[in-house]
């Protein structure tokens, strides 16, 4: 199966819908990989927000 794409939220929603639609369980290694990729995307989004917020702080 191909990796999911999009934002971390979009990936999580797609993964949930795939689990509900699947006739058989999704491969555990694939699910774990998708969760890891979604978590990495979320962490990158958070890092960007932190950097942006730091740029706006008054010292």
PDB file of N, CA and C in Angstrom:
ATOM      1  N   UNK A   1       0.844  -1.189   0.000  1.00  0.00           N
ATOM      2  CA  UNK A   1       0.000   0.000   0.000  1.00  0.00           C
ATOM      3  C   UNK A   1       0.883   1.244   0.000  1.00  0.00           C
ATOM      4  N   UNK A   2       0.387   2.285  -0.670  1.00  0.00           N
ATOM      5  CA  UNK A   2       1.109   3.549  -0.715  1.00  0.00           C
ATOM      6  C   UNK A   2       0.946   4.301   0.597  1.00  0.00           C
ATOM      7  N   UNK A   3       1.921   5.158   0.883  1.00  0.00           N
ATOM      8  CA  UNK A   3       1.830   6.002   2.066  1.00  0.00           C
ATOM      9  C   UNK A   3       0.738   7.042   1.872  1.00  0.00           C
ATOM     10  N   UNK A   4       0.094   7.413   2.969  1.00  0.00           N
ATOM     11  CA  UNK A   4      -0.916   8.460   2.945  1.00  0.00           C
ATOM     12  C   UNK A   4      -0.218   9.807   2.790  1.00  0.00           C
ATOM     13  N   UNK A   5      -0.928  10.778   2.225  1.00  0.00           N
ATOM     14  CA  UNK A   5      -0.375  12.113   2.041  1.00  0.00           C
ATOM     15  C   UNK A   5      -1.317  13.139   2.636  1.00  0.00           C
ATOM     16  N   UNK A   6      -0.852  14.366   2.731  1.00  0.00           N
ATOM     17  CA  UNK A   6      -1.654  15.452   3.269  1.00  0.00           C
ATOM     18  C   UNK A   6      -1.150  15.866   4.638  1.00  0.00           C
ATOM     19  N   UNK A   7      -1.929  16.710   5.286  1.00  0.00           N
ATOM     20  CA  UNK A   7      -1.568  17.163   6.629  1.00  0.00           C
ATOM     21  C   UNK A   7      -1.691  16.005   7.611  1.00  0.00           C
ATOM     22  N   UNK A   8      -1.167  16.206   8.791  1.00  0.00           N
ATOM     23  CA  UNK A   8      -1.260  15.145   9.795  1.00  0.00           C
ATOM     24  C   UNK A   8      -2.717  14.834  10.125  1.00  0.00           C
ATOM     25  N   UNK A   9      -3.555  15.845  10.161  1.00  0.00           N
ATOM     26  CA  UNK A   9      -4.983  15.642  10.439  1.00  0.00           C
ATOM     27  C   UNK A   9      -5.653  14.872   9.310  1.00  0.00           C
ATOM     28  N   UNK A  10      -5.344  15.247   8.078  1.00  0.00           N
ATOM     29  CA  UNK A  10      -5.919  14.549   6.928  1.00  0.00           C
ATOM     30  C   UNK A  10      -5.488  13.083   6.905  1.00  0.00           C
ATOM     31  N   UNK A  11      -4.232  12.834   7.220  1.00  0.00           N
ATOM     32  CA  UNK A  11      -3.731  11.455   7.256  1.00  0.00           C
ATOM     33  C   UNK A  11      -4.443  10.641   8.329  1.00  0.00           C
ATOM     34  N   UNK A  12      -4.623  11.232   9.502  1.00  0.00           N
ATOM     35  CA  UNK A  12      -5.291  10.520  10.599  1.00  0.00           C
ATOM     36  C   UNK A  12      -6.739  10.192  10.231  1.00  0.00           C
ATOM     37  N   UNK A  13      -7.426  11.157   9.618  1.00  0.00           N
ATOM     38  CA  UNK A  13      -8.819  10.911   9.199  1.00  0.00           C
ATOM     39  C   UNK A  13      -8.885   9.829   8.122  1.00  0.00           C
ATOM     40  N   UNK A  14      -7.967   9.886   7.173  1.00  0.00           N
ATOM     41  CA  UNK A  14      -7.950   8.879   6.093  1.00  0.00           C
ATOM     42  C   UNK A  14      -7.649   7.497   6.653  1.00  0.00           C
ATOM     43  N   UNK A  15      -6.713   7.417   7.585  1.00  0.00           N
ATOM     44  CA  UNK A  15      -6.382   6.130   8.202  1.00  0.00           C
ATOM     45  C   UNK A  15      -7.590   5.560   8.935  1.00  0.00           C
ATOM     46  N   UNK A  16      -8.290   6.400   9.668  1.00  0.00           N
ATOM     47  CA  UNK A  16      -9.486   5.938  10.375  1.00  0.00           C
ATOM     48  C   UNK A  16     -10.547   5.443   9.408  1.00  0.00           C
ATOM     49  N   UNK A  17     -10.730   6.158   8.299  1.00  0.00           N
ATOM     50  CA  UNK A  17     -11.743   5.723   7.339  1.00  0.00           C
ATOM     51  C   UNK A  17     -11.319   4.431   6.633  1.00  0.00           C
ATOM     52  N   UNK A  18     -10.033   4.289   6.352  1.00  0.00           N
ATOM     53  CA  UNK A  18      -9.555   3.046   5.739  1.00  0.00           C
ATOM     54  C   UNK A  18      -9.778   1.854   6.656  1.00  0.00           C
ATOM     55  N   UNK A  19      -9.548   2.048   7.942  1.00  0.00           N
ATOM     56  CA  UNK A  19      -9.768   0.953   8.889  1.00  0.00           C
ATOM     57  C   UNK A  19     -11.235   0.543   8.924  1.00  0.00           C
ATOM     58  N   UNK A  20     -12.127   1.523   8.820  1.00  0.00           N
ATOM     59  CA  UNK A  20     -13.556   1.226   8.820  1.00  0.00           C
ATOM     60  C   UNK A  20     -14.028   0.563   7.537  1.00  0.00           C
ATOM     61  N   UNK A  21     -13.379   0.881   6.412  1.00  0.00           N
ATOM     62  CA  UNK A  21     -13.777   0.353   5.106  1.00  0.00           C
ATOM     63  C   UNK A  21     -13.161  -1.013   4.796  1.00  0.00           C
ATOM     64  N   UNK A  22     -12.078  -1.341   5.457  1.00  0.00           N
ATOM     65  CA  UNK A  22     -11.312  -2.546   5.106  1.00  0.00           C
ATOM     66  C   UNK A  22     -12.100  -3.822   5.392  1.00  0.00           C
ATOM     67  N   UNK A  23     -12.029  -4.754   4.427  1.00  0.00           N
ATOM     68  CA  UNK A  23     -12.650  -6.063   4.617  1.00  0.00           C
ATOM     69  C   UNK A  23     -11.813  -6.932   5.549  1.00  0.00           C
ATOM     70  N   UNK A  24     -10.515  -6.685   5.546  1.00  0.00           N
ATOM     71  CA  UNK A  24      -9.605  -7.404   6.423  1.00  0.00           C
ATOM     72  C   UNK A  24      -8.733  -6.375   7.133  1.00  0.00           C
ATOM     73  N   UNK A  25      -8.113  -6.769   8.225  1.00  0.00           N
ATOM     74  CA  UNK A  25      -7.281  -5.802   8.964  1.00  0.00           C
ATOM     75  C   UNK A  25      -6.163  -5.242   8.078  1.00  0.00           C
ATOM     76  N   UNK A  26      -5.875  -3.966   8.275  1.00  0.00           N
ATOM     77  CA  UNK A  26      -4.767  -3.349   7.562  1.00  0.00           C
ATOM     78  C   UNK A  26      -3.458  -3.931   8.091  1.00  0.00           C
ATOM     79  N   UNK A  27      -2.439  -4.030   7.251  1.00  0.00           N
ATOM     80  CA  UNK A  27      -1.162  -4.583   7.711  1.00  0.00           C
ATOM     81  C   UNK A  27      -0.591  -3.743   8.862  1.00  0.00           C
ATOM     82  N   UNK A  28      -0.284  -4.385   9.980  1.00  0.00           N
ATOM     83  CA  UNK A  28       0.197  -3.636  11.155  1.00  0.00           C
ATOM     84  C   UNK A  28       1.439  -2.798  10.882  1.00  0.00           C
ATOM     85  N   UNK A  29       2.372  -3.315  10.094  1.00  0.00           N
ATOM     86  CA  UNK A  29       3.578  -2.537   9.814  1.00  0.00           C
ATOM     87  C   UNK A  29       3.253  -1.291   8.991  1.00  0.00           C
ATOM     88  N   UNK A  30       2.296  -1.375   8.088  1.00  0.00           N
ATOM     89  CA  UNK A  30       1.883  -0.226   7.295  1.00  0.00           C
ATOM     90  C   UNK A  30       1.191   0.809   8.180  1.00  0.00           C
ATOM     91  N   UNK A  31       0.294   0.351   9.067  1.00  0.00           N
ATOM     92  CA  UNK A  31      -0.414   1.264   9.970  1.00  0.00           C
ATOM     93  C   UNK A  31       0.593   1.983  10.866  1.00  0.00           C
ATOM     94  N   UNK A  32       1.551   1.231  11.391  1.00  0.00           N
ATOM     95  CA  UNK A  32       2.568   1.839  12.263  1.00  0.00           C
ATOM     96  C   UNK A  32       3.370   2.881  11.499  1.00  0.00           C
ATOM     97  N   UNK A  33       3.722   2.580  10.266  1.00  0.00           N
ATOM     98  CA  UNK A  33       4.463   3.535   9.433  1.00  0.00           C
ATOM     99  C   UNK A  33       3.634   4.795   9.201  1.00  0.00           C
ATOM    100  N   UNK A  34       2.346   4.645   8.910  1.00  0.00           N
ATOM    101  CA  UNK A  34       1.480   5.793   8.662  1.00  0.00           C
ATOM    102  C   UNK A  34       1.342   6.658   9.912  1.00  0.00           C
ATOM    103  N   UNK A  35       1.211   6.010  11.053  1.00  0.00           N
ATOM    104  CA  UNK A  35       1.117   6.763  12.308  1.00  0.00           C
ATOM    105  C   UNK A  35       2.420   7.526  12.568  1.00  0.00           C
ATOM    106  N   UNK A  36       3.544   6.883  12.296  1.00  0.00           N
ATOM    107  CA  UNK A  36       4.841   7.544  12.464  1.00  0.00           C
ATOM    108  C   UNK A  36       5.000   8.733  11.535  1.00  0.00           C
ATOM    109  N   UNK A  37       4.581   8.571  10.280  1.00  0.00           N
ATOM    110  CA  UNK A  37       4.664   9.676   9.315  1.00  0.00           C
ATOM    111  C   UNK A  37       3.727  10.823   9.701  1.00  0.00           C
ATOM    112  N   UNK A  38       2.528  10.496  10.171  1.00  0.00           N
ATOM    113  CA  UNK A  38       1.584  11.530  10.604  1.00  0.00           C
ATOM    114  C   UNK A  38       2.131  12.269  11.822  1.00  0.00           C
ATOM    115  N   UNK A  39       2.734  11.541  12.739  1.00  0.00           N
ATOM    116  CA  UNK A  39       3.318  12.162  13.925  1.00  0.00           C
ATOM    117  C   UNK A  39       4.481  13.068  13.536  1.00  0.00           C
ATOM    118  N   UNK A  40       5.312  12.632  12.604  1.00  0.00           N
ATOM    119  CA  UNK A  40       6.430  13.458  12.140  1.00  0.00           C
ATOM    120  C   UNK A  40       5.915  14.731  11.460  1.00  0.00           C
ATOM    121  N   UNK A  41       4.856  14.621  10.668  1.00  0.00           N
ATOM    122  CA  UNK A  41       4.266  15.790  10.007  1.00  0.00           C
ATOM    123  C   UNK A  41       3.695  16.748  11.044  1.00  0.00           C
ATOM    124  N   UNK A  42       3.045  16.205  12.068  1.00  0.00           N
ATOM    125  CA  UNK A  42       2.499  17.040  13.135  1.00  0.00           C
ATOM    126  C   UNK A  42       3.620  17.767  13.874  1.00  0.00           C
ATOM    127  N   UNK A  43       4.706  17.056  14.181  1.00  0.00           N
ATOM    128  CA  UNK A  43       5.838  17.662  14.889  1.00  0.00           C
ATOM    129  C   UNK A  43       6.456  18.782  14.057  1.00  0.00           C
ATOM    130  N   UNK A  44       6.565  18.585  12.758  1.00  0.00           N
ATOM    131  CA  UNK A  44       7.108  19.626  11.883  1.00  0.00           C
ATOM    132  C   UNK A  44       6.194  20.841  11.861  1.00  0.00           C
ATOM    133  N   UNK A  45       4.891  20.625  11.811  1.00  0.00           N
ATOM    134  CA  UNK A  45       3.945  21.736  11.862  1.00  0.00           C
ATOM    135  C   UNK A  45       4.096  22.515  13.170  1.00  0.00           C
ATOM    136  N   UNK A  46       4.224  21.802  14.276  1.00  0.00           N
ATOM    137  CA  UNK A  46       4.389  22.444  15.584  1.00  0.00           C
ATOM    138  C   UNK A  46       5.698  23.229  15.650  1.00  0.00           C
ATOM    139  N   UNK A  47       6.760  22.672  15.079  1.00  0.00           N
ATOM    140  CA  UNK A  47       8.055  23.355  15.083  1.00  0.00           C
ATOM    141  C   UNK A  47       7.948  24.668  14.310  1.00  0.00           C
ATOM    142  N   UNK A  48       7.279  24.624  13.168  1.00  0.00           N
ATOM    143  CA  UNK A  48       7.110  25.844  12.367  1.00  0.00           C
ATOM    144  C   UNK A  48       6.305  26.892  13.127  1.00  0.00           C
ATOM    145  N   UNK A  49       5.271  26.459  13.825  1.00  0.00           N
ATOM    146  CA  UNK A  49       4.480  27.398  14.620  1.00  0.00           C
ATOM    147  C   UNK A  49       5.320  28.004  15.734  1.00  0.00           C
ATOM    148  N   UNK A  50       6.161  27.197  16.376  1.00  0.00           N
ATOM    149  CA  UNK A  50       7.023  27.695  17.443  1.00  0.00           C
ATOM    150  C   UNK A  50       8.010  28.726  16.912  1.00  0.00           C
ATOM    151  N   UNK A  51       8.612  28.447  15.769  1.00  0.00           N
ATOM    152  CA  UNK A  51       9.571  29.375  15.160  1.00  0.00           C
ATOM    153  C   UNK A  51       8.860  30.668  14.797  1.00  0.00           C
ATOM    154  N   UNK A  52       7.671  30.572  14.244  1.00  0.00           N
ATOM    155  CA  UNK A  52       6.896  31.762  13.887  1.00  0.00           C
ATOM    156  C   UNK A  52       6.566  32.571  15.133  1.00  0.00           C
ATOM    157  N   UNK A  53       6.152  31.897  16.192  1.00  0.00           N
ATOM    158  CA  UNK A  53       5.803  32.591  17.441  1.00  0.00           C
ATOM    159  C   UNK A  53       7.027  33.271  18.047  1.00  0.00           C
ATOM    160  N   UNK A  54       8.176  32.609  17.996  1.00  0.00           N
ATOM    161  CA  UNK A  54       9.397  33.196  18.534  1.00  0.00           C
ATOM    162  C   UNK A  54       9.768  34.470  17.775  1.00  0.00           C
ATOM    163  N   UNK A  55       9.498  34.488  16.488  1.00  0.00           N
ATOM    164  CA  UNK A  55       9.812  35.650  15.669  1.00  0.00           C
ATOM    165  C   UNK A  55       8.947  36.860  16.005  1.00  0.00           C
ATOM    166  N   UNK A  56       7.856  36.624  16.691  1.00  0.00           N
ATOM    167  CA  UNK A  56       6.935  37.702  17.040  1.00  0.00           C
ATOM    168  C   UNK A  56       7.074  38.164  18.475  1.00  0.00           C
ATOM    169  N   UNK A  57       7.915  37.520  19.256  1.00  0.00           N
ATOM    170  CA  UNK A  57       8.077  37.915  20.663  1.00  0.00           C
ATOM    171  C   UNK A  57       8.870  39.200  20.762  1.00  0.00           C
ATOM    172  N   UNK A  58       8.450  40.051  21.682  1.00  0.00           N
ATOM    173  CA  UNK A  58       9.197  41.274  21.962  1.00  0.00           C
ATOM    174  C   UNK A  58      10.166  41.002  23.092  1.00  0.00           C
ATOM    175  N   UNK A  59      11.372  41.454  22.902  1.00  0.00           N
ATOM    176  CA  UNK A  59      12.380  41.247  23.952  1.00  0.00           C
ATOM    177  C   UNK A  59      12.697  42.544  24.624  1.00  0.00           C
TER     178      UNK A  59
END
